[in-house]
PDB file of N, CA and C in Angstrom:
ATOM      1  N   MET A   1     -17.581   2.978 -47.458  1.00  0.00           N
ATOM      2  CA  MET A   1     -18.392   2.073 -48.256  1.00  0.00           C
ATOM      3  C   MET A   1     -17.835   1.950 -49.675  1.00  0.00           C
ATOM      4  N   ILE A   2     -17.625   3.087 -50.342  1.00  0.00           N
ATOM      5  CA  ILE A   2     -17.090   3.068 -51.706  1.00  0.00           C
ATOM      6  C   ILE A   2     -15.685   2.488 -51.692  1.00  0.00           C
ATOM      7  N   GLY A   3     -14.890   2.850 -50.692  1.00  0.00           N
ATOM      8  CA  GLY A   3     -13.532   2.330 -50.580  1.00  0.00           C
ATOM      9  C   GLY A   3     -13.521   0.819 -50.404  1.00  0.00           C
ATOM     10  N   THR A   4     -14.442   0.306 -49.616  1.00  0.00           N
ATOM     11  CA  THR A   4     -14.532  -1.140 -49.407  1.00  0.00           C
ATOM     12  C   THR A   4     -14.878  -1.854 -50.710  1.00  0.00           C
ATOM     13  N   ILE A   5     -15.794  -1.304 -51.458  1.00  0.00           N
ATOM     14  CA  ILE A   5     -16.181  -1.903 -52.734  1.00  0.00           C
ATOM     15  C   ILE A   5     -15.008  -1.863 -53.714  1.00  0.00           C
ATOM     16  N   LEU A   6     -14.319  -0.714 -53.791  1.00  0.00           N
ATOM     17  CA  LEU A   6     -13.178  -0.597 -54.700  1.00  0.00           C
ATOM     18  C   LEU A   6     -12.063  -1.558 -54.326  1.00  0.00           C
ATOM     19  N   TRP A   7     -11.756  -1.662 -53.034  1.00  0.00           N
ATOM     20  CA  TRP A   7     -10.714  -2.603 -52.612  1.00  0.00           C
ATOM     21  C   TRP A   7     -11.144  -4.040 -52.838  1.00  0.00           C
ATOM     22  N   GLY A   8     -12.427  -4.314 -52.717  1.00  0.00           N
ATOM     23  CA  GLY A   8     -12.925  -5.656 -53.022  1.00  0.00           C
ATOM     24  C   GLY A   8     -12.737  -6.009 -54.489  1.00  0.00           C
ATOM     25  N   ILE A   9     -12.993  -5.045 -55.359  1.00  0.00           N
ATOM     26  CA  ILE A   9     -12.820  -5.278 -56.787  1.00  0.00           C
ATOM     27  C   ILE A   9     -11.339  -5.436 -57.128  1.00  0.00           C
ATOM     28  N   ILE A  10     -10.509  -4.548 -56.607  1.00  0.00           N
ATOM     29  CA  ILE A  10      -9.066  -4.614 -56.889  1.00  0.00           C
ATOM     30  C   ILE A  10      -8.463  -5.889 -56.308  1.00  0.00           C
ATOM     31  N   GLY A  11      -8.783  -6.170 -55.045  1.00  0.00           N
ATOM     32  CA  GLY A  11      -8.265  -7.384 -54.408  1.00  0.00           C
ATOM     33  C   GLY A  11      -8.768  -8.644 -55.080  1.00  0.00           C
ATOM     34  N   GLY A  12     -10.028  -8.641 -55.477  1.00  0.00           N
ATOM     35  CA  GLY A  12     -10.594  -9.793 -56.172  1.00  0.00           C
ATOM     36  C   GLY A  12      -9.941 -10.027 -57.523  1.00  0.00           C
ATOM     37  N   ALA A  13      -9.644  -8.952 -58.225  1.00  0.00           N
ATOM     38  CA  ALA A  13      -8.964  -9.087 -59.511  1.00  0.00           C
ATOM     39  C   ALA A  13      -7.582  -9.689 -59.315  1.00  0.00           C
ATOM     40  N   ILE A  14      -6.878  -9.241 -58.295  1.00  0.00           N
ATOM     41  CA  ILE A  14      -5.545  -9.773 -58.005  1.00  0.00           C
ATOM     42  C   ILE A  14      -5.638 -11.245 -57.612  1.00  0.00           C
ATOM     43  N   VAL A  15      -6.598 -11.579 -56.770  1.00  0.00           N
ATOM     44  CA  VAL A  15      -6.780 -12.979 -56.343  1.00  0.00           C
ATOM     45  C   VAL A  15      -7.101 -13.864 -57.551  1.00  0.00           C
ATOM     46  N   GLY A  16      -7.938 -13.384 -58.454  1.00  0.00           N
ATOM     47  CA  GLY A  16      -8.276 -14.157 -59.652  1.00  0.00           C
ATOM     48  C   GLY A  16      -7.068 -14.406 -60.541  1.00  0.00           C
ATOM     49  N   VAL A  17      -6.247 -13.385 -60.728  1.00  0.00           N
ATOM     50  CA  VAL A  17      -5.050 -13.536 -61.560  1.00  0.00           C
ATOM     51  C   VAL A  17      -4.050 -14.487 -60.901  1.00  0.00           C
ATOM     52  N   ILE A  18      -3.879 -14.367 -59.579  1.00  0.00           N
ATOM     53  CA  ILE A  18      -2.979 -15.286 -58.862  1.00  0.00           C
ATOM     54  C   ILE A  18      -3.473 -16.724 -59.008  1.00  0.00           C
ATOM     55  N   ALA A  19      -4.773 -16.911 -58.869  1.00  0.00           N
ATOM     56  CA  ALA A  19      -5.339 -18.265 -59.017  1.00  0.00           C
ATOM     57  C   ALA A  19      -5.085 -18.801 -60.413  1.00  0.00           C
ATOM     58  N   ARG A  20      -5.243 -17.963 -61.408  1.00  0.00           N
ATOM     59  CA  ARG A  20      -5.024 -18.395 -62.789  1.00  0.00           C
ATOM     60  C   ARG A  20      -3.566 -18.782 -63.006  1.00  0.00           C
ATOM     61  N   LEU A  21      -2.649 -18.039 -62.383  1.00  0.00           N
ATOM     62  CA  LEU A  21      -1.229 -18.357 -62.507  1.00  0.00           C
ATOM     63  C   LEU A  21      -0.867 -19.644 -61.769  1.00  0.00           C
ATOM     64  N   LEU A  22      -1.511 -19.901 -60.647  1.00  0.00           N
ATOM     65  CA  LEU A  22      -1.206 -21.094 -59.859  1.00  0.00           C
ATOM     66  C   LEU A  22      -1.845 -22.365 -60.415  1.00  0.00           C
ATOM     67  N   LEU A  23      -2.907 -22.216 -61.155  1.00  0.00           N
ATOM     68  CA  LEU A  23      -3.606 -23.373 -61.723  1.00  0.00           C
ATOM     69  C   LEU A  23      -2.797 -23.926 -62.893  1.00  0.00           C
ATOM     70  N   PRO A  24      -2.425 -25.209 -62.839  1.00  0.00           N
ATOM     71  CA  PRO A  24      -1.598 -25.752 -63.922  1.00  0.00           C
ATOM     72  C   PRO A  24      -2.363 -25.837 -65.234  1.00  0.00           C
ATOM     73  N   GLY A  25      -1.623 -25.726 -66.319  1.00  0.00           N
ATOM     74  CA  GLY A  25      -2.223 -25.829 -67.638  1.00  0.00           C
ATOM     75  C   GLY A  25      -2.744 -24.497 -68.139  1.00  0.00           C
ATOM     76  N   LYS A  26      -3.271 -24.530 -69.349  1.00  0.00           N
ATOM     77  CA  LYS A  26      -3.808 -23.326 -69.972  1.00  0.00           C
ATOM     78  C   LYS A  26      -5.306 -23.248 -69.703  1.00  0.00           C
ATOM     79  N   GLN A  27      -5.748 -22.070 -69.283  1.00  0.00           N
ATOM     80  CA  GLN A  27      -7.175 -21.860 -69.085  1.00  0.00           C
ATOM     81  C   GLN A  27      -7.741 -21.213 -70.346  1.00  0.00           C
ATOM     82  N   HIS A  28      -8.900 -21.656 -70.743  1.00  0.00           N
ATOM     83  CA  HIS A  28      -9.536 -21.168 -71.960  1.00  0.00           C
ATOM     84  C   HIS A  28     -10.705 -20.249 -71.620  1.00  0.00           C
ATOM     85  N   ILE A  29     -10.470 -19.323 -70.705  1.00  0.00           N
ATOM     86  CA  ILE A  29     -11.485 -18.332 -70.339  1.00  0.00           C
ATOM     87  C   ILE A  29     -10.854 -16.956 -70.472  1.00  0.00           C
ATOM     88  N   SER A  30     -11.684 -15.948 -70.593  1.00  0.00           N
ATOM     89  CA  SER A  30     -11.179 -14.590 -70.760  1.00  0.00           C
ATOM     90  C   SER A  30     -10.698 -14.028 -69.424  1.00  0.00           C
ATOM     91  N   MET A  31      -9.931 -12.946 -69.514  1.00  0.00           N
ATOM     92  CA  MET A  31      -9.474 -12.286 -68.288  1.00  0.00           C
ATOM     93  C   MET A  31     -10.652 -11.674 -67.538  1.00  0.00           C
ATOM     94  N   LEU A  32     -11.687 -11.248 -68.245  1.00  0.00           N
ATOM     95  CA  LEU A  32     -12.867 -10.702 -67.581  1.00  0.00           C
ATOM     96  C   LEU A  32     -13.513 -11.749 -66.680  1.00  0.00           C
ATOM     97  N   VAL A  33     -13.654 -12.970 -67.200  1.00  0.00           N
ATOM     98  CA  VAL A  33     -14.219 -14.052 -66.389  1.00  0.00           C
ATOM     99  C   VAL A  33     -13.302 -14.334 -65.199  1.00  0.00           C
ATOM    100  N   THR A  34     -11.992 -14.303 -65.420  1.00  0.00           N
ATOM    101  CA  THR A  34     -11.034 -14.526 -64.337  1.00  0.00           C
ATOM    102  C   THR A  34     -11.194 -13.480 -63.237  1.00  0.00           C
ATOM    103  N   VAL A  35     -11.327 -12.224 -63.626  1.00  0.00           N
ATOM    104  CA  VAL A  35     -11.484 -11.144 -62.647  1.00  0.00           C
ATOM    105  C   VAL A  35     -12.804 -11.282 -61.897  1.00  0.00           C
ATOM    106  N   ILE A  36     -13.880 -11.583 -62.596  1.00  0.00           N
ATOM    107  CA  ILE A  36     -15.182 -11.743 -61.942  1.00  0.00           C
ATOM    108  C   ILE A  36     -15.141 -12.910 -60.964  1.00  0.00           C
ATOM    109  N   VAL A  37     -14.536 -14.020 -61.386  1.00  0.00           N
ATOM    110  CA  VAL A  37     -14.394 -15.179 -60.498  1.00  0.00           C
ATOM    111  C   VAL A  37     -13.553 -14.806 -59.282  1.00  0.00           C
ATOM    112  N   GLY A  38     -12.492 -14.030 -59.485  1.00  0.00           N
ATOM    113  CA  GLY A  38     -11.652 -13.591 -58.376  1.00  0.00           C
ATOM    114  C   GLY A  38     -12.403 -12.716 -57.391  1.00  0.00           C
ATOM    115  N   ILE A  39     -13.231 -11.833 -57.890  1.00  0.00           N
ATOM    116  CA  ILE A  39     -14.026 -10.964 -57.009  1.00  0.00           C
ATOM    117  C   ILE A  39     -14.993 -11.797 -56.176  1.00  0.00           C
ATOM    118  N   VAL A  40     -15.659 -12.752 -56.819  1.00  0.00           N
ATOM    119  CA  VAL A  40     -16.596 -13.627 -56.095  1.00  0.00           C
ATOM    120  C   VAL A  40     -15.847 -14.458 -55.049  1.00  0.00           C
ATOM    121  N   ALA A  41     -14.696 -15.014 -55.434  1.00  0.00           N
ATOM    122  CA  ALA A  41     -13.923 -15.847 -54.511  1.00  0.00           C
ATOM    123  C   ALA A  41     -13.384 -15.029 -53.338  1.00  0.00           C
ATOM    124  N   ALA A  42     -12.919 -13.817 -53.603  1.00  0.00           N
ATOM    125  CA  ALA A  42     -12.395 -12.969 -52.527  1.00  0.00           C
ATOM    126  C   ALA A  42     -13.502 -12.589 -51.548  1.00  0.00           C
ATOM    127  N   THR A  43     -14.670 -12.270 -52.087  1.00  0.00           N
ATOM    128  CA  THR A  43     -15.798 -11.913 -51.221  1.00  0.00           C
ATOM    129  C   THR A  43     -16.248 -13.106 -50.388  1.00  0.00           C
ATOM    130  N   LEU A  44     -16.440 -14.240 -51.031  1.00  0.00           N
ATOM    131  CA  LEU A  44     -16.873 -15.439 -50.318  1.00  0.00           C
ATOM    132  C   LEU A  44     -15.798 -15.898 -49.323  1.00  0.00           C
ATOM    133  N   GLY A  45     -14.534 -15.838 -49.721  1.00  0.00           N
ATOM    134  CA  GLY A  45     -13.445 -16.216 -48.821  1.00  0.00           C
ATOM    135  C   GLY A  45     -13.362 -15.314 -47.601  1.00  0.00           C
ATOM    136  N   GLY A  46     -13.592 -14.018 -47.800  1.00  0.00           N
ATOM    137  CA  GLY A  46     -13.618 -13.092 -46.670  1.00  0.00           C
ATOM    138  C   GLY A  46     -14.762 -13.391 -45.713  1.00  0.00           C
ATOM    139  N   LEU A  47     -15.924 -13.723 -46.262  1.00  0.00           N
ATOM    140  CA  LEU A  47     -17.069 -14.070 -45.416  1.00  0.00           C
ATOM    141  C   LEU A  47     -16.815 -15.358 -44.632  1.00  0.00           C
ATOM    142  N   ILE A  48     -16.229 -16.351 -45.298  1.00  0.00           N
ATOM    143  CA  ILE A  48     -15.912 -17.607 -44.612  1.00  0.00           C
ATOM    144  C   ILE A  48     -14.888 -17.366 -43.510  1.00  0.00           C
ATOM    145  N   ALA A  49     -13.867 -16.566 -43.804  1.00  0.00           N
ATOM    146  CA  ALA A  49     -12.839 -16.265 -42.799  1.00  0.00           C
ATOM    147  C   ALA A  49     -13.439 -15.542 -41.596  1.00  0.00           C
ATOM    148  N   ASP A  50     -14.348 -14.601 -41.841  1.00  0.00           N
ATOM    149  CA  ASP A  50     -15.028 -13.923 -40.738  1.00  0.00           C
ATOM    150  C   ASP A  50     -15.881 -14.901 -39.938  1.00  0.00           C
ATOM    151  N   TRP A  51     -16.548 -15.814 -40.638  1.00  0.00           N
ATOM    152  CA  TRP A  51     -17.433 -16.782 -39.985  1.00  0.00           C
ATOM    153  C   TRP A  51     -16.654 -17.717 -39.065  1.00  0.00           C
ATOM    154  N   ILE A  52     -15.443 -18.136 -39.488  1.00  0.00           N
ATOM    155  CA  ILE A  52     -14.670 -19.038 -38.632  1.00  0.00           C
ATOM    156  C   ILE A  52     -13.753 -18.286 -37.664  1.00  0.00           C
ATOM    157  N   GLY A  53     -13.765 -16.963 -37.734  1.00  0.00           N
ATOM    158  CA  GLY A  53     -13.054 -16.160 -36.741  1.00  0.00           C
ATOM    159  C   GLY A  53     -11.615 -15.798 -37.079  1.00  0.00           C
ATOM    160  N   VAL A  54     -11.214 -15.908 -38.335  1.00  0.00           N
ATOM    161  CA  VAL A  54      -9.838 -15.567 -38.711  1.00  0.00           C
ATOM    162  C   VAL A  54      -9.797 -14.442 -39.751  1.00  0.00           C
ATOM    163  N   GLY A  55     -10.880 -13.731 -39.898  1.00  0.00           N
ATOM    164  CA  GLY A  55     -10.961 -12.693 -40.915  1.00  0.00           C
ATOM    165  C   GLY A  55     -10.221 -11.427 -40.583  1.00  0.00           C
ATOM    166  N   ASP A  56     -10.036 -11.145 -39.311  1.00  0.00           N
ATOM    167  CA  ASP A  56      -9.367  -9.910 -38.910  1.00  0.00           C
ATOM    168  C   ASP A  56      -8.421 -10.229 -37.762  1.00  0.00           C
ATOM    169  N   THR A  57      -7.142 -10.214 -38.052  1.00  0.00           N
ATOM    170  CA  THR A  57      -6.130 -10.527 -37.053  1.00  0.00           C
ATOM    171  C   THR A  57      -5.182  -9.354 -36.916  1.00  0.00           C
ATOM    172  N   LYS A  58      -4.254  -9.459 -35.976  1.00  0.00           N
ATOM    173  CA  LYS A  58      -3.231  -8.429 -35.823  1.00  0.00           C
ATOM    174  C   LYS A  58      -2.141  -8.701 -36.856  1.00  0.00           C
ATOM    175  N   GLY A  59      -2.088  -7.887 -37.876  1.00  0.00           N
ATOM    176  CA  GLY A  59      -1.110  -8.096 -38.940  1.00  0.00           C
ATOM    177  C   GLY A  59      -1.792  -8.534 -40.217  1.00  0.00           C
ATOM    178  N   ILE A  60      -1.047  -9.280 -41.009  1.00  0.00           N
ATOM    179  CA  ILE A  60      -1.571  -9.745 -42.298  1.00  0.00           C
ATOM    180  C   ILE A  60      -2.462 -10.957 -42.065  1.00  0.00           C
ATOM    181  N   ASP A  61      -3.605 -10.960 -42.693  1.00  0.00           N
ATOM    182  CA  ASP A  61      -4.577 -12.049 -42.534  1.00  0.00           C
ATOM    183  C   ASP A  61      -4.256 -13.185 -43.499  1.00  0.00           C
ATOM    184  N   TRP A  62      -3.228 -13.945 -43.201  1.00  0.00           N
ATOM    185  CA  TRP A  62      -2.756 -14.995 -44.099  1.00  0.00           C
ATOM    186  C   TRP A  62      -3.794 -16.082 -44.322  1.00  0.00           C
ATOM    187  N   ILE A  63      -4.497 -16.462 -43.279  1.00  0.00           N
ATOM    188  CA  ILE A  63      -5.487 -17.533 -43.422  1.00  0.00           C
ATOM    189  C   ILE A  63      -6.619 -17.075 -44.331  1.00  0.00           C
ATOM    190  N   ARG A  64      -7.070 -15.839 -44.172  1.00  0.00           N
ATOM    191  CA  ARG A  64      -8.127 -15.306 -45.038  1.00  0.00           C
ATOM    192  C   ARG A  64      -7.672 -15.297 -46.487  1.00  0.00           C
ATOM    193  N   HIS A  65      -6.440 -14.852 -46.737  1.00  0.00           N
ATOM    194  CA  HIS A  65      -5.931 -14.802 -48.106  1.00  0.00           C
ATOM    195  C   HIS A  65      -5.774 -16.206 -48.691  1.00  0.00           C
ATOM    196  N   PHE A  66      -5.351 -17.156 -47.872  1.00  0.00           N
ATOM    197  CA  PHE A  66      -5.236 -18.532 -48.342  1.00  0.00           C
ATOM    198  C   PHE A  66      -6.608 -19.077 -48.747  1.00  0.00           C
ATOM    199  N   ILE A  67      -7.618 -18.814 -47.942  1.00  0.00           N
ATOM    200  CA  ILE A  67      -8.982 -19.257 -48.258  1.00  0.00           C
ATOM    201  C   ILE A  67      -9.449 -18.618 -49.561  1.00  0.00           C
ATOM    202  N   GLN A  68      -9.198 -17.322 -49.720  1.00  0.00           N
ATOM    203  CA  GLN A  68      -9.625 -16.624 -50.932  1.00  0.00           C
ATOM    204  C   GLN A  68      -8.939 -17.187 -52.175  1.00  0.00           C
ATOM    205  N   ILE A  69      -7.646 -17.434 -52.095  1.00  0.00           N
ATOM    206  CA  ILE A  69      -6.926 -17.950 -53.254  1.00  0.00           C
ATOM    207  C   ILE A  69      -7.347 -19.389 -53.556  1.00  0.00           C
ATOM    208  N   ALA A  70      -7.552 -20.197 -52.515  1.00  0.00           N
ATOM    209  CA  ALA A  70      -8.001 -21.575 -52.740  1.00  0.00           C
ATOM    210  C   ALA A  70      -9.366 -21.587 -53.425  1.00  0.00           C
ATOM    211  N   LEU A  71     -10.274 -20.731 -52.977  1.00  0.00           N
ATOM    212  CA  LEU A  71     -11.585 -20.649 -53.633  1.00  0.00           C
ATOM    213  C   LEU A  71     -11.449 -20.139 -55.063  1.00  0.00           C
ATOM    214  N   ALA A  72     -10.572 -19.176 -55.277  1.00  0.00           N
ATOM    215  CA  ALA A  72     -10.384 -18.636 -56.622  1.00  0.00           C
ATOM    216  C   ALA A  72      -9.833 -19.705 -57.565  1.00  0.00           C
ATOM    217  N   ILE A  73      -8.897 -20.529 -57.082  1.00  0.00           N
ATOM    218  CA  ILE A  73      -8.379 -21.615 -57.915  1.00  0.00           C
ATOM    219  C   ILE A  73      -9.517 -22.569 -58.298  1.00  0.00           C
ATOM    220  N   LEU A  74     -10.331 -22.920 -57.312  1.00  0.00           N
ATOM    221  CA  LEU A  74     -11.470 -23.800 -57.586  1.00  0.00           C
ATOM    222  C   LEU A  74     -12.433 -23.161 -58.581  1.00  0.00           C
ATOM    223  N   PHE A  75     -12.756 -21.892 -58.383  1.00  0.00           N
ATOM    224  CA  PHE A  75     -13.724 -21.221 -59.248  1.00  0.00           C
ATOM    225  C   PHE A  75     -13.175 -20.992 -60.656  1.00  0.00           C
ATOM    226  N   VAL A  76     -11.878 -20.694 -60.785  1.00  0.00           N
ATOM    227  CA  VAL A  76     -11.283 -20.538 -62.124  1.00  0.00           C
ATOM    228  C   VAL A  76     -11.330 -21.879 -62.851  1.00  0.00           C
ATOM    229  N   TRP A  77     -11.025 -22.953 -62.138  1.00  0.00           N
ATOM    230  CA  TRP A  77     -11.089 -24.281 -62.751  1.00  0.00           C
ATOM    231  C   TRP A  77     -12.515 -24.600 -63.204  1.00  0.00           C
ATOM    232  N   LEU A  78     -13.493 -24.313 -62.329  1.00  0.00           N
ATOM    233  CA  LEU A  78     -14.895 -24.568 -62.692  1.00  0.00           C
ATOM    234  C   LEU A  78     -15.324 -23.704 -63.877  1.00  0.00           C
ATOM    235  N   ALA A  79     -14.931 -22.434 -63.874  1.00  0.00           N
ATOM    236  CA  ALA A  79     -15.288 -21.544 -64.982  1.00  0.00           C
ATOM    237  C   ALA A  79     -14.660 -22.024 -66.275  1.00  0.00           C
ATOM    238  N   ASP A  80     -13.430 -22.508 -66.189  1.00  0.00           N
ATOM    239  CA  ASP A  80     -12.776 -23.035 -67.385  1.00  0.00           C
ATOM    240  C   ASP A  80     -13.537 -24.249 -67.918  1.00  0.00           C
ATOM    241  N   ARG A  81     -13.999 -25.090 -67.028  1.00  0.00           N
ATOM    242  CA  ARG A  81     -14.764 -26.285 -67.444  1.00  0.00           C
ATOM    243  C   ARG A  81     -16.129 -25.884 -68.036  1.00  0.00           C
ATOM    244  N   MET A  82     -16.748 -24.835 -67.508  1.00  0.00           N
ATOM    245  CA  MET A  82     -18.094 -24.457 -67.953  1.00  0.00           C
ATOM    246  C   MET A  82     -18.091 -23.536 -69.170  1.00  0.00           C
ATOM    247  N   PHE A  83     -17.188 -22.563 -69.203  1.00  0.00           N
ATOM    248  CA  PHE A  83     -17.232 -21.526 -70.235  1.00  0.00           C
ATOM    249  C   PHE A  83     -16.158 -21.675 -71.294  1.00  0.00           C
ATOM    250  N   SER A  84     -15.473 -22.760 -71.289  1.00  0.00           N
ATOM    251  CA  SER A  84     -14.387 -22.962 -72.232  1.00  0.00           C
ATOM    252  C   SER A  84     -14.912 -22.945 -73.659  1.00  0.00           C
ATOM    253  N   ARG A  85     -14.173 -22.291 -74.525  1.00  0.00           N
ATOM    254  CA  ARG A  85     -14.582 -22.220 -75.931  1.00  0.00           C
ATOM    255  C   ARG A  85     -14.162 -23.451 -76.698  1.00  0.00           C
ATOM    256  N   ARG A  86     -13.237 -24.189 -76.155  1.00  0.00           N
ATOM    257  CA  ARG A  86     -12.780 -25.379 -76.862  1.00  0.00           C
ATOM    258  C   ARG A  86     -13.805 -26.482 -76.679  1.00  0.00           C
ATOM    259  N   ARG A  87     -14.221 -27.019 -77.739  1.00  0.00           N
ATOM    260  CA  ARG A  87     -15.195 -28.103 -77.709  1.00  0.00           C
ATOM    261  C   ARG A  87     -14.612 -29.260 -78.497  1.00  0.00           C
ATOM    262  N   THR A  88     -14.597 -30.412 -77.912  1.00  0.00           N
ATOM    263  CA  THR A  88     -14.113 -31.568 -78.638  1.00  0.00           C
ATOM    264  C   THR A  88     -15.277 -32.168 -79.417  1.00  0.00           C
ATOM    265  N   PRO A  89     -15.025 -32.544 -80.648  1.00  0.00           N
ATOM    266  CA  PRO A  89     -16.123 -33.128 -81.437  1.00  0.00           C
ATOM    267  C   PRO A  89     -16.490 -34.488 -80.849  1.00  0.00           C
ATOM    268  N   PRO A  90     -17.726 -34.886 -81.037  1.00  0.00           N
ATOM    269  CA  PRO A  90     -18.140 -36.196 -80.514  1.00  0.00           C
ATOM    270  C   PRO A  90     -17.341 -37.318 -81.179  1.00  0.00           C
ATOM    271  N   ALA A  91     -17.104 -38.336 -80.427  1.00  0.00           N
ATOM    272  CA  ALA A  91     -16.328 -39.465 -80.939  1.00  0.00           C
ATOM    273  C   ALA A  91     -17.129 -40.192 -82.018  1.00  0.00           C
ATOM    274  N   VAL A  92     -16.462 -40.518 -83.074  1.00  0.00           N
ATOM    275  CA  VAL A  92     -17.094 -41.265 -84.164  1.00  0.00           C
ATOM    276  C   VAL A  92     -16.813 -42.739 -83.939  1.00  0.00           C
ATOM    277  N   PRO A  93     -17.842 -43.567 -83.886  1.00  0.00           N
ATOM    278  CA  PRO A  93     -17.600 -44.994 -83.664  1.00  0.00           C
ATOM    279  C   PRO A  93     -16.819 -45.615 -84.831  1.00  0.00           C
ATOM    280  N   ALA A  94     -15.957 -46.544 -84.499  1.00  0.00           N
ATOM    281  CA  ALA A  94     -15.164 -47.239 -85.525  1.00  0.00           C
ATOM    282  C   ALA A  94     -16.060 -48.180 -86.316  1.00  0.00           C
ATOM    283  N   ARG A  95     -15.767 -48.346 -87.580  1.00  0.00           N
ATOM    284  CA  ARG A  95     -16.575 -49.226 -88.416  1.00  0.00           C
ATOM    285  C   ARG A  95     -15.911 -50.534 -88.613  1.00  0.00           C
TER     286      ARG A  95
END
């Protein structure tokens, strides 16, 4: 049980960092948010992979990892859009 939780946290952190590296452009979120998003994406991706029947195969579970990374890319992008510190000032109408 403890081992599963620890591997989920470690694997999720790795998935989050990979997603951040694969996402084009600069993300304006902290590494903590990236790791948390990665943990959520890895957990949800593992559940989806189990649900569709590809979560546990003989060898490396490539489809599960692809699902996890794809979700992490989506979640990092969403987190960047929601929690970004950069704020553009409102447009001033021309006179």
